[in-house]
Amino acid sequence: MLEIGTGSGYQAAVLAELVKSVYTVEIIEALAVEAADRLAAEGYDNVHVRSGDGWYGWPEHAPYDGILVTAVAPEIPPRLVEQLAPGRHLVLPVGPANGAQMLVRVTKRADGGYDRRDVLPVQFVPLTGDHGRSEDP
């Protein structure tokens, strides 16, 4: 499972109780370090934390059986869809930072494309980073 937006590590700990391995990316380095230390102290050896721009995911461990994003993105990040295993789901809020946002479930098809299902209106903080660039970091 890939989580984008580690924060305190709470959600990663919840996911770690449900899946074999959690890879979680946090853009704020100090939060990533604190969460990694906290999770390790609690014995979560199946959670792997790194600091980076979540827009690009964590390709070294792909494909993922699921991806969960905890901040709103202006669009569905293509790199995350690429890293998702066929038939699996990416769940994230999509929309403007200060406007109408929608919780979206993306299901990757075997042909590499995806199907989108709008689930419900939500309000999340924005996904930050330098993802306006066309190249990888």
C-alpha atoms as a PDB file:
ATOM      1  CA  MET A   1       0.000   0.000   0.000  1.00  0.00           C
ATOM      2  CA  LEU A   2       1.223   3.489  -0.820  1.00  0.00           C
ATOM      3  CA  GLU A   3       0.143   6.460   1.278  1.00  0.00           C
ATOM      4  CA  ILE A   4       0.803  10.024   0.199  1.00  0.00           C
ATOM      5  CA  GLY A   5       0.841  12.467   3.118  1.00  0.00           C
ATOM      6  CA  THR A   6       2.271  10.728   6.190  1.00  0.00           C
ATOM      7  CA  GLY A   7       1.645  13.562   8.635  1.00  0.00           C
ATOM      8  CA  SER A   8       1.914  12.195  12.178  1.00  0.00           C
ATOM      9  CA  GLY A   9       1.917   8.580  10.984  1.00  0.00           C
ATOM     10  CA  TYR A  10      -1.516   7.765  12.400  1.00  0.00           C
ATOM     11  CA  GLN A  11      -3.068   6.632   9.133  1.00  0.00           C
ATOM     12  CA  ALA A  12       0.069   4.655   8.226  1.00  0.00           C
ATOM     13  CA  ALA A  13      -0.277   2.803  11.540  1.00  0.00           C
ATOM     14  CA  VAL A  14      -3.938   2.035  10.795  1.00  0.00           C
ATOM     15  CA  LEU A  15      -3.025   0.797   7.304  1.00  0.00           C
ATOM     16  CA  ALA A  16      -0.176  -1.287   8.752  1.00  0.00           C
ATOM     17  CA  GLU A  17      -2.747  -3.221  10.762  1.00  0.00           C
ATOM     18  CA  LEU A  18      -4.627  -4.049   7.551  1.00  0.00           C
ATOM     19  CA  VAL A  19      -1.955  -4.730   4.922  1.00  0.00           C
ATOM     20  CA  LYS A  20       1.433  -6.426   4.695  1.00  0.00           C
ATOM     21  CA  SER A  21       3.521  -3.316   3.927  1.00  0.00           C
ATOM     22  CA  VAL A  22       2.934   0.422   3.868  1.00  0.00           C
ATOM     23  CA  TYR A  23       5.126   2.860   1.959  1.00  0.00           C
ATOM     24  CA  THR A  24       4.372   6.432   2.932  1.00  0.00           C
ATOM     25  CA  VAL A  25       5.678   9.707   1.513  1.00  0.00           C
ATOM     26  CA  GLU A  26       5.668  13.041   3.374  1.00  0.00           C
ATOM     27  CA  ILE A  27       6.846  16.272   1.754  1.00  0.00           C
ATOM     28  CA  ILE A  28       7.799  17.959   5.051  1.00  0.00           C
ATOM     29  CA  GLU A  29      11.046  16.295   6.063  1.00  0.00           C
ATOM     30  CA  ALA A  30      10.701  17.009   9.797  1.00  0.00           C
ATOM     31  CA  LEU A  31       7.249  15.353   9.819  1.00  0.00           C
ATOM     32  CA  ALA A  32       8.604  12.345   7.917  1.00  0.00           C
ATOM     33  CA  VAL A  33      11.435  11.888  10.426  1.00  0.00           C
ATOM     34  CA  GLU A  34       9.122  12.273  13.418  1.00  0.00           C
ATOM     35  CA  ALA A  35       6.575   9.853  11.969  1.00  0.00           C
ATOM     36  CA  ALA A  36       9.259   7.280  11.133  1.00  0.00           C
ATOM     37  CA  ASP A  37      10.640   7.487  14.671  1.00  0.00           C
ATOM     38  CA  ARG A  38       7.160   7.277  16.207  1.00  0.00           C
ATOM     39  CA  LEU A  39       6.143   4.279  14.080  1.00  0.00           C
ATOM     40  CA  ALA A  40       9.415   2.457  14.784  1.00  0.00           C
ATOM     41  CA  ALA A  41       9.038   3.088  18.533  1.00  0.00           C
ATOM     42  CA  GLU A  42       5.582   1.504  18.371  1.00  0.00           C
ATOM     43  CA  GLY A  43       6.945  -1.559  16.568  1.00  0.00           C
ATOM     44  CA  TYR A  44       5.595  -0.875  13.083  1.00  0.00           C
ATOM     45  CA  ASP A  45       8.375  -2.549  11.129  1.00  0.00           C
ATOM     46  CA  ASN A  46       6.120  -2.904   8.076  1.00  0.00           C
ATOM     47  CA  VAL A  47       5.857   0.874   7.533  1.00  0.00           C
ATOM     48  CA  HIS A  48       8.497   2.561   5.397  1.00  0.00           C
ATOM     49  CA  VAL A  49       8.637   6.363   5.485  1.00  0.00           C
ATOM     50  CA  ARG A  50      10.450   8.752   3.185  1.00  0.00           C
ATOM     51  CA  SER A  51      10.465  12.470   2.618  1.00  0.00           C
ATOM     52  CA  GLY A  52       9.637  13.579  -0.907  1.00  0.00           C
ATOM     53  CA  ASP A  53       7.056  14.945  -3.284  1.00  0.00           C
ATOM     54  CA  GLY A  54       4.106  12.545  -3.162  1.00  0.00           C
ATOM     55  CA  TRP A  55       2.978  13.598  -6.652  1.00  0.00           C
ATOM     56  CA  TYR A  56       5.624  11.180  -7.955  1.00  0.00           C
ATOM     57  CA  GLY A  57       4.822   8.344  -5.559  1.00  0.00           C
ATOM     58  CA  TRP A  58       7.519   5.821  -4.673  1.00  0.00           C
ATOM     59  CA  PRO A  59       8.188   3.909  -7.916  1.00  0.00           C
ATOM     60  CA  GLU A  60      10.869   1.602  -6.519  1.00  0.00           C
ATOM     61  CA  HIS A  61       8.227  -0.459  -4.692  1.00  0.00           C
ATOM     62  CA  ALA A  62       5.487  -0.402  -7.339  1.00  0.00           C
ATOM     63  CA  PRO A  63       3.118  -1.793  -8.326  1.00  0.00           C
ATOM     64  CA  TYR A  64       0.916  -1.138  -5.316  1.00  0.00           C
ATOM     65  CA  ASP A  65      -2.261  -2.955  -4.379  1.00  0.00           C
ATOM     66  CA  GLY A  66      -3.714   0.367  -3.274  1.00  0.00           C
ATOM     67  CA  ILE A  67      -2.796   4.042  -3.049  1.00  0.00           C
ATOM     68  CA  LEU A  68      -4.316   6.558  -0.653  1.00  0.00           C
ATOM     69  CA  VAL A  69      -3.696  10.321  -0.912  1.00  0.00           C
ATOM     70  CA  THR A  70      -4.500  12.564   2.052  1.00  0.00           C
ATOM     71  CA  ALA A  71      -4.349  15.966   0.327  1.00  0.00           C
ATOM     72  CA  VAL A  72      -6.260  17.401  -2.610  1.00  0.00           C
ATOM     73  CA  ALA A  73      -4.634  17.295  -6.037  1.00  0.00           C
ATOM     74  CA  PRO A  74      -5.741  19.505  -8.931  1.00  0.00           C
ATOM     75  CA  GLU A  75      -5.917  16.399 -11.123  1.00  0.00           C
ATOM     76  CA  ILE A  76      -5.221  12.666 -10.864  1.00  0.00           C
ATOM     77  CA  PRO A  77      -1.420  12.324 -10.665  1.00  0.00           C
ATOM     78  CA  PRO A  78      -0.316  10.216 -13.680  1.00  0.00           C
ATOM     79  CA  ARG A  79       2.696   8.763 -11.826  1.00  0.00           C
ATOM     80  CA  LEU A  80       0.415   7.353  -9.142  1.00  0.00           C
ATOM     81  CA  VAL A  81      -1.798   5.659 -11.732  1.00  0.00           C
ATOM     82  CA  GLU A  82       1.354   4.181 -13.333  1.00  0.00           C
ATOM     83  CA  GLN A  83       2.419   2.750  -9.955  1.00  0.00           C
ATOM     84  CA  LEU A  84      -0.952   1.130  -9.255  1.00  0.00           C
ATOM     85  CA  ALA A  85      -1.428  -2.576  -9.994  1.00  0.00           C
ATOM     86  CA  PRO A  86      -4.142  -3.399 -12.567  1.00  0.00           C
ATOM     87  CA  GLY A  87      -7.548  -3.915 -10.988  1.00  0.00           C
ATOM     88  CA  ARG A  88      -6.543  -1.977  -7.867  1.00  0.00           C
ATOM     89  CA  HIS A  89      -7.666   1.395  -6.507  1.00  0.00           C
ATOM     90  CA  LEU A  90      -6.248   4.858  -5.936  1.00  0.00           C
ATOM     91  CA  VAL A  91      -8.375   7.030  -3.629  1.00  0.00           C
ATOM     92  CA  LEU A  92      -7.784  10.761  -3.433  1.00  0.00           C
ATOM     93  CA  PRO A  93      -9.498  14.124  -3.258  1.00  0.00           C
ATOM     94  CA  VAL A  94      -9.416  16.001  -6.598  1.00  0.00           C
ATOM     95  CA  GLY A  95     -10.176  19.663  -7.226  1.00  0.00           C
ATOM     96  CA  PRO A  96      -8.976  23.184  -6.482  1.00  0.00           C
ATOM     97  CA  ALA A  97      -7.314  23.958  -3.149  1.00  0.00           C
ATOM     98  CA  ASN A  98     -10.070  26.377  -2.137  1.00  0.00           C
ATOM     99  CA  GLY A  99     -13.067  25.161  -4.070  1.00  0.00           C
ATOM    100  CA  ALA A 100     -15.317  22.224  -4.805  1.00  0.00           C
ATOM    101  CA  GLN A 101     -13.397  18.998  -4.244  1.00  0.00           C
ATOM    102  CA  MET A 102     -14.460  15.421  -4.866  1.00  0.00           C
ATOM    103  CA  LEU A 103     -13.259  12.208  -3.262  1.00  0.00           C
ATOM    104  CA  VAL A 104     -12.388  10.037  -6.266  1.00  0.00           C
ATOM    105  CA  ARG A 105     -11.797   6.317  -6.643  1.00  0.00           C
ATOM    106  CA  VAL A 106      -9.588   5.431  -9.591  1.00  0.00           C
ATOM    107  CA  THR A 107      -9.482   1.812 -10.760  1.00  0.00           C
ATOM    108  CA  LYS A 108      -6.591   0.890 -13.031  1.00  0.00           C
ATOM    109  CA  ARG A 109      -7.496  -1.210 -16.048  1.00  0.00           C
ATOM    110  CA  ALA A 110      -5.336  -3.996 -17.501  1.00  0.00           C
ATOM    111  CA  ASP A 111      -4.636  -1.807 -20.556  1.00  0.00           C
ATOM    112  CA  GLY A 112      -2.992   0.830 -18.315  1.00  0.00           C
ATOM    113  CA  GLY A 113      -5.913   3.239 -18.497  1.00  0.00           C
ATOM    114  CA  TYR A 114      -8.250   3.887 -15.614  1.00  0.00           C
ATOM    115  CA  ASP A 115     -11.858   4.360 -14.653  1.00  0.00           C
ATOM    116  CA  ARG A 116     -12.881   7.210 -12.356  1.00  0.00           C
ATOM    117  CA  ARG A 117     -15.737   7.150  -9.858  1.00  0.00           C
ATOM    118  CA  ASP A 118     -16.677  10.312  -7.984  1.00  0.00           C
ATOM    119  CA  VAL A 119     -17.604   9.259  -4.459  1.00  0.00           C
ATOM    120  CA  LEU A 120     -18.569  12.352  -2.438  1.00  0.00           C
ATOM    121  CA  PRO A 121     -17.774  16.046  -1.953  1.00  0.00           C
ATOM    122  CA  VAL A 122     -14.879  16.687   0.470  1.00  0.00           C
ATOM    123  CA  GLN A 123     -12.541  19.451   1.665  1.00  0.00           C
ATOM    124  CA  PHE A 124      -8.818  18.691   2.051  1.00  0.00           C
ATOM    125  CA  VAL A 125      -5.598  20.718   2.280  1.00  0.00           C
ATOM    126  CA  PRO A 126      -3.643  20.927  -1.009  1.00  0.00           C
ATOM    127  CA  LEU A 127      -1.015  18.438  -2.163  1.00  0.00           C
ATOM    128  CA  THR A 128       2.146  20.537  -2.099  1.00  0.00           C
ATOM    129  CA  GLY A 129       5.362  20.161  -4.025  1.00  0.00           C
ATOM    130  CA  ASP A 130       6.937  21.051  -7.320  1.00  0.00           C
ATOM    131  CA  HIS A 131       4.691  18.861  -9.449  1.00  0.00           C
ATOM    132  CA  GLY A 132       4.116  21.625 -11.971  1.00  0.00           C
ATOM    133  CA  ARG A 133       7.259  20.384 -13.726  1.00  0.00           C
ATOM    134  CA  SER A 134       7.017  17.929 -16.569  1.00  0.00           C
ATOM    135  CA  GLU A 135      10.070  15.907 -15.561  1.00  0.00           C
ATOM    136  CA  ASP A 136      10.667  13.679 -12.553  1.00  0.00           C
ATOM    137  CA  PRO A 137      12.524  15.105  -9.556  1.00  0.00           C
END
